[in-house]
C-alpha atoms as a PDB file:
ATOM      1  CA  MET A   1     -33.910  30.910  -4.945  1.00  0.00           C
ATOM      2  CA  ALA A   2     -31.834  29.944  -1.916  1.00  0.00           C
ATOM      3  CA  SER A   3     -28.258  31.223  -1.791  1.00  0.00           C
ATOM      4  CA  THR A   4     -25.529  28.735  -2.645  1.00  0.00           C
ATOM      5  CA  LEU A   5     -22.888  30.835  -0.885  1.00  0.00           C
ATOM      6  CA  GLY A   6     -21.396  29.212   2.196  1.00  0.00           C
ATOM      7  CA  GLU A   7     -19.643  31.101   4.980  1.00  0.00           C
ATOM      8  CA  PHE A   8     -16.117  30.576   3.690  1.00  0.00           C
ATOM      9  CA  ASP A   9     -17.104  31.201   0.071  1.00  0.00           C
ATOM     10  CA  LEU A  10     -18.658  34.470   1.213  1.00  0.00           C
ATOM     11  CA  ILE A  11     -15.491  35.541   3.047  1.00  0.00           C
ATOM     12  CA  ALA A  12     -13.217  34.529   0.184  1.00  0.00           C
ATOM     13  CA  ARG A  13     -15.299  36.258  -2.485  1.00  0.00           C
ATOM     14  CA  TYR A  14     -16.174  39.532  -0.792  1.00  0.00           C
ATOM     15  CA  PHE A  15     -13.796  40.162   2.108  1.00  0.00           C
ATOM     16  CA  THR A  16     -10.409  38.603   1.348  1.00  0.00           C
ATOM     17  CA  ARG A  17      -7.598  40.787   0.022  1.00  0.00           C
ATOM     18  CA  PRO A  18      -3.809  40.434   0.088  1.00  0.00           C
ATOM     19  CA  ALA A  19      -2.305  41.736   3.351  1.00  0.00           C
ATOM     20  CA  ARG A  20      -0.460  45.040   2.975  1.00  0.00           C
ATOM     21  CA  ASN A  21       0.482  46.184   6.469  1.00  0.00           C
ATOM     22  CA  ALA A  22      -0.345  43.055   8.462  1.00  0.00           C
ATOM     23  CA  THR A  23       2.154  40.229   8.773  1.00  0.00           C
ATOM     24  CA  LEU A  24      -0.810  37.862   8.392  1.00  0.00           C
ATOM     25  CA  GLY A  25      -4.325  38.926   7.406  1.00  0.00           C
ATOM     26  CA  VAL A  26      -7.632  37.202   6.626  1.00  0.00           C
ATOM     27  CA  GLY A  27      -7.636  33.401   6.585  1.00  0.00           C
ATOM     28  CA  ASP A  28      -6.078  32.150   9.817  1.00  0.00           C
ATOM     29  CA  ASP A  29      -7.209  31.862  13.437  1.00  0.00           C
ATOM     30  CA  CYS A  30      -5.668  35.260  14.217  1.00  0.00           C
ATOM     31  CA  ALA A  31      -4.197  38.114  12.250  1.00  0.00           C
ATOM     32  CA  LEU A  32      -0.656  39.194  13.029  1.00  0.00           C
ATOM     33  CA  LEU A  33       0.434  42.817  13.220  1.00  0.00           C
ATOM     34  CA  ALA A  34       3.825  44.339  13.928  1.00  0.00           C
ATOM     35  CA  ILE A  35       3.468  47.561  15.940  1.00  0.00           C
ATOM     36  CA  PRO A  36       6.115  50.139  14.929  1.00  0.00           C
ATOM     37  CA  SER A  37       8.525  51.221  17.628  1.00  0.00           C
ATOM     38  CA  GLY A  38       7.493  54.402  19.419  1.00  0.00           C
ATOM     39  CA  GLN A  39       3.772  53.982  18.745  1.00  0.00           C
ATOM     40  CA  GLN A  40       0.790  53.072  20.906  1.00  0.00           C
ATOM     41  CA  LEU A  41      -2.100  50.964  19.614  1.00  0.00           C
ATOM     42  CA  ALA A  42      -5.536  52.648  19.658  1.00  0.00           C
ATOM     43  CA  VAL A  43      -8.471  50.196  19.566  1.00  0.00           C
ATOM     44  CA  SER A  44     -12.218  50.833  19.256  1.00  0.00           C
ATOM     45  CA  SER A  45     -15.343  48.796  18.423  1.00  0.00           C
ATOM     46  CA  ASP A  46     -18.768  49.902  17.208  1.00  0.00           C
ATOM     47  CA  MET A  47     -21.834  47.797  16.499  1.00  0.00           C
ATOM     48  CA  LEU A  48     -24.524  48.797  14.007  1.00  0.00           C
ATOM     49  CA  VAL A  49     -27.898  47.046  14.330  1.00  0.00           C
ATOM     50  CA  GLU A  50     -30.603  47.298  11.668  1.00  0.00           C
ATOM     51  CA  GLY A  51     -33.539  49.335  12.931  1.00  0.00           C
ATOM     52  CA  ARG A  52     -31.454  50.885  15.706  1.00  0.00           C
ATOM     53  CA  HIS A  53     -28.455  52.434  13.989  1.00  0.00           C
ATOM     54  CA  PHE A  54     -29.593  52.388  10.372  1.00  0.00           C
ATOM     55  CA  LEU A  55     -32.917  52.185   8.584  1.00  0.00           C
ATOM     56  CA  PRO A  56     -34.226  48.804   7.396  1.00  0.00           C
ATOM     57  CA  GLY A  57     -33.477  48.294   3.725  1.00  0.00           C
ATOM     58  CA  ALA A  58     -30.579  50.783   3.758  1.00  0.00           C
ATOM     59  CA  ASP A  59     -28.506  50.921   0.580  1.00  0.00           C
ATOM     60  CA  ALA A  60     -25.782  48.284   0.959  1.00  0.00           C
ATOM     61  CA  ARG A  61     -22.914  50.326  -0.506  1.00  0.00           C
ATOM     62  CA  LYS A  62     -23.704  53.352   1.660  1.00  0.00           C
ATOM     63  CA  LEU A  63     -24.028  51.081   4.685  1.00  0.00           C
ATOM     64  CA  GLY A  64     -20.592  49.591   4.021  1.00  0.00           C
ATOM     65  CA  HIS A  65     -19.168  53.108   4.007  1.00  0.00           C
ATOM     66  CA  LYS A  66     -20.976  54.160   7.169  1.00  0.00           C
ATOM     67  CA  ALA A  67     -20.090  51.011   9.120  1.00  0.00           C
ATOM     68  CA  LEU A  68     -16.396  51.763   8.701  1.00  0.00           C
ATOM     69  CA  ALA A  69     -16.768  55.552   8.896  1.00  0.00           C
ATOM     70  CA  VAL A  70     -18.265  55.551  12.389  1.00  0.00           C
ATOM     71  CA  ASN A  71     -15.323  53.482  13.623  1.00  0.00           C
ATOM     72  CA  LEU A  72     -12.742  55.617  11.855  1.00  0.00           C
ATOM     73  CA  SER A  73     -14.352  58.585  13.582  1.00  0.00           C
ATOM     74  CA  ASP A  74     -13.302  57.111  16.935  1.00  0.00           C
ATOM     75  CA  LEU A  75      -9.702  56.923  15.713  1.00  0.00           C
ATOM     76  CA  ALA A  76     -10.011  60.528  14.541  1.00  0.00           C
ATOM     77  CA  ALA A  77     -11.167  61.607  17.998  1.00  0.00           C
ATOM     78  CA  MET A  78      -7.996  60.120  19.498  1.00  0.00           C
ATOM     79  CA  GLY A  79      -5.711  61.610  16.839  1.00  0.00           C
ATOM     80  CA  ALA A  80      -4.788  58.106  15.694  1.00  0.00           C
ATOM     81  CA  GLN A  81      -3.597  56.974  12.276  1.00  0.00           C
ATOM     82  CA  PRO A  82      -5.722  54.107  10.887  1.00  0.00           C
ATOM     83  CA  LEU A  83      -3.939  50.773  10.617  1.00  0.00           C
ATOM     84  CA  ALA A  84      -6.327  47.799  10.345  1.00  0.00           C
ATOM     85  CA  PHE A  85      -9.845  46.597  11.162  1.00  0.00           C
ATOM     86  CA  THR A  86     -11.864  43.463  11.743  1.00  0.00           C
ATOM     87  CA  LEU A  87     -15.449  42.809  10.661  1.00  0.00           C
ATOM     88  CA  ALA A  88     -18.067  40.654  12.412  1.00  0.00           C
ATOM     89  CA  LEU A  89     -21.173  40.355  10.263  1.00  0.00           C
ATOM     90  CA  ALA A  90     -24.533  38.683  10.959  1.00  0.00           C
ATOM     91  CA  LEU A  91     -26.682  38.326   7.833  1.00  0.00           C
ATOM     92  CA  PRO A  92     -30.263  37.129   7.351  1.00  0.00           C
ATOM     93  CA  ALA A  93     -29.077  35.521   4.107  1.00  0.00           C
ATOM     94  CA  ALA A  94     -25.962  35.383   1.931  1.00  0.00           C
ATOM     95  CA  ASP A  95     -27.343  37.773  -0.690  1.00  0.00           C
ATOM     96  CA  ALA A  96     -24.687  38.195  -3.395  1.00  0.00           C
ATOM     97  CA  ALA A  97     -25.951  41.579  -4.629  1.00  0.00           C
ATOM     98  CA  TRP A  98     -26.087  42.987  -1.078  1.00  0.00           C
ATOM     99  CA  LEU A  99     -22.617  41.641  -0.257  1.00  0.00           C
ATOM    100  CA  GLU A 100     -21.145  43.097  -3.424  1.00  0.00           C
ATOM    101  CA  GLY A 101     -22.514  46.543  -2.636  1.00  0.00           C
ATOM    102  CA  PHE A 102     -21.615  46.432   1.048  1.00  0.00           C
ATOM    103  CA  SER A 103     -18.042  45.278   0.459  1.00  0.00           C
ATOM    104  CA  ALA A 104     -17.577  47.869  -2.327  1.00  0.00           C
ATOM    105  CA  GLY A 105     -18.600  50.720  -0.017  1.00  0.00           C
ATOM    106  CA  LEU A 106     -16.524  49.326   2.827  1.00  0.00           C
ATOM    107  CA  PHE A 107     -13.349  48.934   0.785  1.00  0.00           C
ATOM    108  CA  ALA A 108     -13.708  52.248  -1.042  1.00  0.00           C
ATOM    109  CA  LEU A 109     -13.445  54.067   2.295  1.00  0.00           C
ATOM    110  CA  ALA A 110     -10.806  51.624   3.570  1.00  0.00           C
ATOM    111  CA  ASP A 111      -8.599  52.373   0.563  1.00  0.00           C
ATOM    112  CA  GLU A 112      -9.160  56.112   0.968  1.00  0.00           C
ATOM    113  CA  GLN A 113      -8.017  55.940   4.593  1.00  0.00           C
ATOM    114  CA  ALA A 114      -5.258  53.334   4.034  1.00  0.00           C
ATOM    115  CA  ILE A 115      -6.725  50.855   6.505  1.00  0.00           C
ATOM    116  CA  GLU A 116      -6.992  47.116   5.763  1.00  0.00           C
ATOM    117  CA  LEU A 117      -9.365  44.336   6.765  1.00  0.00           C
ATOM    118  CA  ILE A 118      -7.422  41.657   8.650  1.00  0.00           C
ATOM    119  CA  GLY A 119     -10.091  39.263   9.937  1.00  0.00           C
ATOM    120  CA  GLY A 120     -13.445  38.812  11.617  1.00  0.00           C
ATOM    121  CA  ASP A 121     -16.425  36.473  11.528  1.00  0.00           C
ATOM    122  CA  THR A 122     -19.706  35.866   9.681  1.00  0.00           C
ATOM    123  CA  THR A 123     -22.891  34.115  10.765  1.00  0.00           C
ATOM    124  CA  LYS A 124     -26.590  33.942   9.952  1.00  0.00           C
ATOM    125  CA  GLY A 125     -28.914  36.167  11.987  1.00  0.00           C
ATOM    126  CA  PRO A 126     -30.586  39.595  12.091  1.00  0.00           C
ATOM    127  CA  LEU A 127     -28.480  42.156  10.227  1.00  0.00           C
ATOM    128  CA  ASN A 128     -25.753  43.282  12.599  1.00  0.00           C
ATOM    129  CA  ILE A 129     -22.380  44.817  11.744  1.00  0.00           C
ATOM    130  CA  CYS A 130     -19.548  45.056  14.269  1.00  0.00           C
ATOM    131  CA  ILE A 131     -16.204  46.570  13.316  1.00  0.00           C
ATOM    132  CA  THR A 132     -13.103  46.888  15.464  1.00  0.00           C
ATOM    133  CA  VAL A 133     -10.542  49.424  14.288  1.00  0.00           C
ATOM    134  CA  LEU A 134      -6.857  49.593  15.177  1.00  0.00           C
ATOM    135  CA  GLY A 135      -4.775  52.736  14.878  1.00  0.00           C
ATOM    136  CA  LEU A 136      -1.415  54.165  15.851  1.00  0.00           C
ATOM    137  CA  VAL A 137      -0.657  57.229  17.939  1.00  0.00           C
ATOM    138  CA  PRO A 138       2.634  58.452  19.440  1.00  0.00           C
ATOM    139  CA  PRO A 139       2.810  58.110  23.246  1.00  0.00           C
ATOM    140  CA  GLY A 140       1.491  61.174  25.035  1.00  0.00           C
ATOM    141  CA  LEU A 141      -0.212  62.657  21.959  1.00  0.00           C
ATOM    142  CA  ALA A 142      -3.608  60.911  22.056  1.00  0.00           C
ATOM    143  CA  LEU A 143      -6.536  63.343  22.329  1.00  0.00           C
ATOM    144  CA  ARG A 144      -8.153  62.067  25.517  1.00  0.00           C
ATOM    145  CA  ARG A 145     -11.531  62.974  26.987  1.00  0.00           C
ATOM    146  CA  ASP A 146     -10.015  63.783  30.373  1.00  0.00           C
ATOM    147  CA  ALA A 147      -7.640  66.463  29.088  1.00  0.00           C
ATOM    148  CA  ALA A 148      -9.913  69.520  28.795  1.00  0.00           C
ATOM    149  CA  ARG A 149      -8.799  72.455  30.957  1.00  0.00           C
ATOM    150  CA  ALA A 150     -10.631  75.526  32.229  1.00  0.00           C
ATOM    151  CA  GLY A 151      -9.962  78.365  29.824  1.00  0.00           C
ATOM    152  CA  ASP A 152      -9.699  76.110  26.780  1.00  0.00           C
ATOM    153  CA  ALA A 153     -11.570  77.193  23.691  1.00  0.00           C
ATOM    154  CA  LEU A 154     -14.241  74.736  22.526  1.00  0.00           C
ATOM    155  CA  TRP A 155     -14.219  73.919  18.805  1.00  0.00           C
ATOM    156  CA  VAL A 156     -16.303  71.830  16.421  1.00  0.00           C
ATOM    157  CA  SER A 157     -15.682  70.658  12.870  1.00  0.00           C
ATOM    158  CA  GLY A 158     -18.087  70.707   9.951  1.00  0.00           C
ATOM    159  CA  THR A 159     -21.799  71.440  10.241  1.00  0.00           C
ATOM    160  CA  PRO A 160     -23.517  69.470  13.023  1.00  0.00           C
ATOM    161  CA  GLY A 161     -27.245  68.837  12.727  1.00  0.00           C
ATOM    162  CA  ASP A 162     -27.474  67.660   9.114  1.00  0.00           C
ATOM    163  CA  ALA A 163     -28.006  63.970   9.885  1.00  0.00           C
ATOM    164  CA  ARG A 164     -30.699  64.648  12.480  1.00  0.00           C
ATOM    165  CA  LEU A 165     -32.524  66.960  10.091  1.00  0.00           C
ATOM    166  CA  ALA A 166     -32.647  64.159   7.510  1.00  0.00           C
ATOM    167  CA  LEU A 167     -33.823  61.649  10.095  1.00  0.00           C
ATOM    168  CA  GLY A 168     -36.610  63.990  11.183  1.00  0.00           C
ATOM    169  CA  HIS A 169     -37.934  63.954   7.631  1.00  0.00           C
ATOM    170  CA  VAL A 170     -37.800  60.144   7.516  1.00  0.00           C
ATOM    171  CA  TRP A 171     -39.644  59.963  10.853  1.00  0.00           C
ATOM    172  CA  GLY A 172     -42.306  62.421   9.672  1.00  0.00           C
ATOM    173  CA  GLU A 173     -41.415  65.139  12.185  1.00  0.00           C
ATOM    174  CA  TRP A 174     -41.046  67.705   9.389  1.00  0.00           C
ATOM    175  CA  SER A 175     -40.777  67.827   5.615  1.00  0.00           C
ATOM    176  CA  LEU A 176     -37.806  68.825   3.455  1.00  0.00           C
ATOM    177  CA  ALA A 177     -37.694  69.675  -0.236  1.00  0.00           C
ATOM    178  CA  ALA A 178     -36.274  66.883  -2.399  1.00  0.00           C
ATOM    179  CA  ASP A 179     -32.917  68.560  -3.056  1.00  0.00           C
ATOM    180  CA  ASP A 180     -32.487  69.519   0.598  1.00  0.00           C
ATOM    181  CA  LEU A 181     -33.361  66.011   1.725  1.00  0.00           C
ATOM    182  CA  ALA A 182     -30.835  64.501  -0.679  1.00  0.00           C
ATOM    183  CA  ALA A 183     -28.079  66.723   0.711  1.00  0.00           C
ATOM    184  CA  MET A 184     -28.937  65.901   4.311  1.00  0.00           C
ATOM    185  CA  ARG A 185     -29.357  62.169   3.593  1.00  0.00           C
ATOM    186  CA  ALA A 186     -25.866  62.123   2.109  1.00  0.00           C
ATOM    187  CA  ARG A 187     -24.526  63.455   5.415  1.00  0.00           C
ATOM    188  CA  MET A 188     -26.531  60.883   7.371  1.00  0.00           C
ATOM    189  CA  ASP A 189     -25.795  57.871   5.173  1.00  0.00           C
ATOM    190  CA  GLN A 190     -22.164  58.570   4.267  1.00  0.00           C
ATOM    191  CA  PRO A 191     -20.479  60.611   6.999  1.00  0.00           C
ATOM    192  CA  ALA A 192     -16.901  61.785   6.480  1.00  0.00           C
ATOM    193  CA  PRO A 193     -14.671  60.698   9.391  1.00  0.00           C
ATOM    194  CA  ARG A 194     -12.326  63.551  10.340  1.00  0.00           C
ATOM    195  CA  VAL A 195      -9.203  61.377  10.479  1.00  0.00           C
ATOM    196  CA  ALA A 196      -6.832  63.942   8.960  1.00  0.00           C
ATOM    197  CA  LEU A 197      -8.050  66.646  11.359  1.00  0.00           C
ATOM    198  CA  GLY A 198      -7.551  64.427  14.406  1.00  0.00           C
ATOM    199  CA  GLN A 199      -3.950  63.765  13.454  1.00  0.00           C
ATOM    200  CA  ALA A 200      -3.306  67.419  12.605  1.00  0.00           C
ATOM    201  CA  LEU A 201      -4.530  68.442  16.073  1.00  0.00           C
ATOM    202  CA  ARG A 202      -2.017  66.269  17.932  1.00  0.00           C
ATOM    203  CA  GLY A 203       0.129  68.491  20.122  1.00  0.00           C
ATOM    204  CA  ILE A 204      -2.351  71.381  19.729  1.00  0.00           C
ATOM    205  CA  ALA A 205      -5.710  70.213  21.079  1.00  0.00           C
ATOM    206  CA  HIS A 206      -6.181  68.999  24.646  1.00  0.00           C
ATOM    207  CA  ALA A 207      -9.321  66.836  24.558  1.00  0.00           C
ATOM    208  CA  ALA A 208     -11.536  65.540  21.754  1.00  0.00           C
ATOM    209  CA  ILE A 209     -14.578  63.370  21.088  1.00  0.00           C
ATOM    210  CA  ASP A 210     -16.594  62.576  17.983  1.00  0.00           C
ATOM    211  CA  ILE A 211     -20.239  63.603  17.793  1.00  0.00           C
ATOM    212  CA  SER A 212     -22.207  60.380  17.538  1.00  0.00           C
ATOM    213  CA  ASP A 213     -24.974  60.819  20.143  1.00  0.00           C
ATOM    214  CA  GLY A 214     -25.392  64.607  20.067  1.00  0.00           C
ATOM    215  CA  LEU A 215     -23.079  67.562  20.675  1.00  0.00           C
ATOM    216  CA  LEU A 216     -24.236  68.240  24.231  1.00  0.00           C
ATOM    217  CA  GLY A 217     -24.361  64.574  25.197  1.00  0.00           C
ATOM    218  CA  ASP A 218     -20.888  63.853  23.861  1.00  0.00           C
ATOM    219  CA  LEU A 219     -19.506  67.052  25.380  1.00  0.00           C
ATOM    220  CA  GLY A 220     -20.873  65.782  28.688  1.00  0.00           C
ATOM    221  CA  HIS A 221     -18.509  62.788  28.494  1.00  0.00           C
ATOM    222  CA  VAL A 222     -15.566  65.162  28.123  1.00  0.00           C
ATOM    223  CA  LEU A 223     -16.704  67.409  30.956  1.00  0.00           C
ATOM    224  CA  ARG A 224     -17.240  64.524  33.371  1.00  0.00           C
ATOM    225  CA  ALA A 225     -13.857  63.008  32.571  1.00  0.00           C
ATOM    226  CA  SER A 226     -12.145  66.402  32.836  1.00  0.00           C
ATOM    227  CA  HIS A 227     -14.086  67.592  35.936  1.00  0.00           C
ATOM    228  CA  ALA A 228     -15.035  70.799  34.138  1.00  0.00           C
ATOM    229  CA  GLY A 229     -17.963  72.719  32.674  1.00  0.00           C
ATOM    230  CA  ALA A 230     -18.602  74.653  29.487  1.00  0.00           C
ATOM    231  CA  CYS A 231     -20.216  77.765  28.073  1.00  0.00           C
ATOM    232  CA  ILE A 232     -21.521  77.367  24.510  1.00  0.00           C
ATOM    233  CA  GLU A 233     -22.655  80.100  22.159  1.00  0.00           C
ATOM    234  CA  ALA A 234     -25.297  77.972  20.455  1.00  0.00           C
ATOM    235  CA  ASP A 235     -25.830  80.260  17.477  1.00  0.00           C
ATOM    236  CA  ARG A 236     -22.115  80.133  16.602  1.00  0.00           C
ATOM    237  CA  ILE A 237     -22.318  76.432  15.816  1.00  0.00           C
ATOM    238  CA  PRO A 238     -21.754  76.308  12.046  1.00  0.00           C
ATOM    239  CA  ALA A 239     -24.785  75.185  10.058  1.00  0.00           C
ATOM    240  CA  SER A 240     -25.285  73.987   6.522  1.00  0.00           C
ATOM    241  CA  ARG A 241     -27.568  76.047   4.295  1.00  0.00           C
ATOM    242  CA  VAL A 242     -30.440  73.627   4.866  1.00  0.00           C
ATOM    243  CA  VAL A 243     -30.124  73.559   8.655  1.00  0.00           C
ATOM    244  CA  GLN A 244     -29.645  77.331   8.821  1.00  0.00           C
ATOM    245  CA  ALA A 245     -32.956  77.791   6.997  1.00  0.00           C
ATOM    246  CA  GLN A 246     -34.907  75.898   9.683  1.00  0.00           C
ATOM    247  CA  PRO A 247     -36.811  77.577  12.537  1.00  0.00           C
ATOM    248  CA  ALA A 248     -34.420  78.433  15.384  1.00  0.00           C
ATOM    249  CA  ALA A 249     -35.832  75.845  17.800  1.00  0.00           C
ATOM    250  CA  ARG A 250     -35.494  73.024  15.255  1.00  0.00           C
ATOM    251  CA  ARG A 251     -32.020  74.133  14.195  1.00  0.00           C
ATOM    252  CA  ARG A 252     -30.784  74.211  17.770  1.00  0.00           C
ATOM    253  CA  ALA A 253     -32.352  70.847  18.593  1.00  0.00           C
ATOM    254  CA  CYS A 254     -30.703  69.207  15.567  1.00  0.00           C
ATOM    255  CA  GLN A 255     -27.326  70.789  16.250  1.00  0.00           C
ATOM    256  CA  LEU A 256     -27.203  70.326  20.010  1.00  0.00           C
ATOM    257  CA  ALA A 257     -28.825  66.908  20.377  1.00  0.00           C
ATOM    258  CA  GLY A 258     -28.997  65.353  16.926  1.00  0.00           C
ATOM    259  CA  GLY A 259     -25.979  63.084  16.751  1.00  0.00           C
ATOM    260  CA  ASP A 260     -24.855  60.837  13.879  1.00  0.00           C
ATOM    261  CA  ASP A 261     -22.744  63.657  12.417  1.00  0.00           C
ATOM    262  CA  TYR A 262     -19.340  62.184  13.334  1.00  0.00           C
ATOM    263  CA  GLU A 263     -17.772  65.613  13.506  1.00  0.00           C
ATOM    264  CA  LEU A 264     -15.016  66.321  16.008  1.00  0.00           C
ATOM    265  CA  LEU A 265     -15.688  68.347  19.149  1.00  0.00           C
ATOM    266  CA  PHE A 266     -12.415  69.389  20.768  1.00  0.00           C
ATOM    267  CA  THR A 267     -10.759  71.781  23.162  1.00  0.00           C
ATOM    268  CA  ALA A 268      -7.511  73.695  22.784  1.00  0.00           C
ATOM    269  CA  PRO A 269      -5.732  76.433  24.723  1.00  0.00           C
ATOM    270  CA  ALA A 270      -7.184  79.811  23.805  1.00  0.00           C
ATOM    271  CA  HIS A 271      -3.777  81.100  22.686  1.00  0.00           C
ATOM    272  CA  ARG A 272      -3.503  78.268  20.097  1.00  0.00           C
ATOM    273  CA  HIS A 273      -6.302  79.732  17.974  1.00  0.00           C
ATOM    274  CA  GLU A 274      -4.134  80.233  14.879  1.00  0.00           C
ATOM    275  CA  ALA A 275      -2.544  76.800  15.298  1.00  0.00           C
ATOM    276  CA  VAL A 276      -5.998  75.198  15.309  1.00  0.00           C
ATOM    277  CA  LEU A 277      -6.951  77.035  12.136  1.00  0.00           C
ATOM    278  CA  ALA A 278      -3.689  75.983  10.483  1.00  0.00           C
ATOM    279  CA  ALA A 279      -4.294  72.347  11.456  1.00  0.00           C
ATOM    280  CA  ALA A 280      -7.823  72.511  10.050  1.00  0.00           C
ATOM    281  CA  SER A 281      -6.530  74.034   6.832  1.00  0.00           C
ATOM    282  CA  LYS A 282      -3.942  71.272   6.525  1.00  0.00           C
ATOM    283  CA  ALA A 283      -6.712  68.700   7.003  1.00  0.00           C
ATOM    284  CA  GLN A 284      -8.976  70.558   4.552  1.00  0.00           C
ATOM    285  CA  THR A 285     -11.734  70.615   7.178  1.00  0.00           C
ATOM    286  CA  SER A 286     -13.694  73.613   8.414  1.00  0.00           C
ATOM    287  CA  VAL A 287     -13.762  74.306  12.160  1.00  0.00           C
ATOM    288  CA  ALA A 288     -15.377  76.932  14.373  1.00  0.00           C
ATOM    289  CA  CYS A 289     -14.865  78.078  17.949  1.00  0.00           C
ATOM    290  CA  ILE A 290     -18.233  77.793  19.711  1.00  0.00           C
ATOM    291  CA  GLY A 291     -17.441  78.423  23.376  1.00  0.00           C
ATOM    292  CA  ARG A 292     -15.067  77.749  26.229  1.00  0.00           C
ATOM    293  CA  ILE A 293     -14.356  75.300  29.023  1.00  0.00           C
ATOM    294  CA  THR A 294     -15.079  76.553  32.536  1.00  0.00           C
ATOM    295  CA  ALA A 295     -13.929  75.494  35.968  1.00  0.00           C
ATOM    296  CA  ALA A 296     -17.494  75.419  37.305  1.00  0.00           C
ATOM    297  CA  PRO A 297     -19.410  72.261  36.398  1.00  0.00           C
ATOM    298  CA  GLY A 298     -22.449  72.278  34.130  1.00  0.00           C
ATOM    299  CA  VAL A 299     -23.193  73.689  30.698  1.00  0.00           C
ATOM    300  CA  THR A 300     -24.430  77.198  29.942  1.00  0.00           C
ATOM    301  CA  LEU A 301     -26.038  77.821  26.553  1.00  0.00           C
ATOM    302  CA  LEU A 302     -26.179  81.339  25.153  1.00  0.00           C
ATOM    303  CA  ASP A 303     -27.982  82.708  22.093  1.00  0.00           C
ATOM    304  CA  ALA A 304     -26.587  85.286  19.666  1.00  0.00           C
ATOM    305  CA  GLN A 305     -27.584  88.119  22.027  1.00  0.00           C
ATOM    306  CA  GLY A 306     -25.830  86.532  24.990  1.00  0.00           C
ATOM    307  CA  GLN A 307     -29.102  85.472  26.619  1.00  0.00           C
ATOM    308  CA  GLU A 308     -29.144  82.116  28.376  1.00  0.00           C
ATOM    309  CA  LEU A 309     -31.065  79.289  26.693  1.00  0.00           C
ATOM    310  CA  PRO A 310     -32.693  76.364  28.525  1.00  0.00           C
ATOM    311  CA  ALA A 311     -30.424  73.307  28.491  1.00  0.00           C
ATOM    312  CA  HIS A 312     -33.158  70.712  28.007  1.00  0.00           C
ATOM    313  CA  TYR A 313     -31.656  68.760  25.106  1.00  0.00           C
ATOM    314  CA  ALA A 314     -31.360  64.992  25.580  1.00  0.00           C
ATOM    315  CA  ALA A 315     -28.652  62.899  23.915  1.00  0.00           C
ATOM    316  CA  PHE A 316     -29.242  59.571  22.218  1.00  0.00           C
ATOM    317  CA  ASP A 317     -29.084  56.596  24.596  1.00  0.00           C
ATOM    318  CA  HIS A 318     -29.099  53.044  23.201  1.00  0.00           C
ATOM    319  CA  PHE A 319     -31.250  51.748  26.074  1.00  0.00           C
ATOM    320  CA  ARG A 320     -33.460  54.762  26.726  1.00  0.00           C
ATOM    321  CA  THR A 321     -34.090  56.460  23.406  1.00  0.00           C
ATOM    322  CA  PRO A 322     -37.062  54.925  21.546  1.00  0.00           C
END
């Protein structure tokens, strides 16, 4: 049966809520926001395309969560406090059940992070989700990619590699037991943006980036912007039980080049070690020091015995990766 939902019915039913922080929210040509004195506005957009960024037929509620989570992760990487977001949504059809699930997942995370939907657009087309997030950060305290300094310690949050391990099972590269797959799929389908950690690191960390395309690839953005290099002790990267149980080559590939983890990779002065741990404790997020920033360009990978590993891991590229 053809949907009877029109564009404006769809918006009103699934995506309209009373404005809380905005002066004017959903329903006009533009939203209106008052920016508090002494704050800078942080803005980021991410697009998720079916078949490229998520699997066809993905669970709608989990997809709603992930669509917002990957954008919140960008705010986390800047140390910004979430404020508001917009949603542009192309849909093959106005499917009420799908919209109910998607909006429920979206708003559950939005409420958790105290961020509100203030506008956007909908149209018919291949499934495509584009969210723009707005956040606040005090001047001079944003965690920028160009701020890493030689001698900084290199840190990572959480357990990178989980999402890539799950994807490898889906792609038929390897096979995981049912319970292990469920745990890894949860990390892939519903990542936890490290918003509290990003804010706790303001004034402590120098540079930061979220891991979306792979640890080494995303670190490369920081190193290029900061005109620096890095030495990484690959076997110190924290791993979940499931990833740790994999053969060493697979574990390293997932952790160094996997992506889609949305953990924070950041640098901080070596003498701020205890301050970093205190910030992580405050944010209730685990972190680990996995290396250091060097003055010489390039990346050196070391194993647990201090032997150099080949740096042949390729990051995800939207136009080059199959």
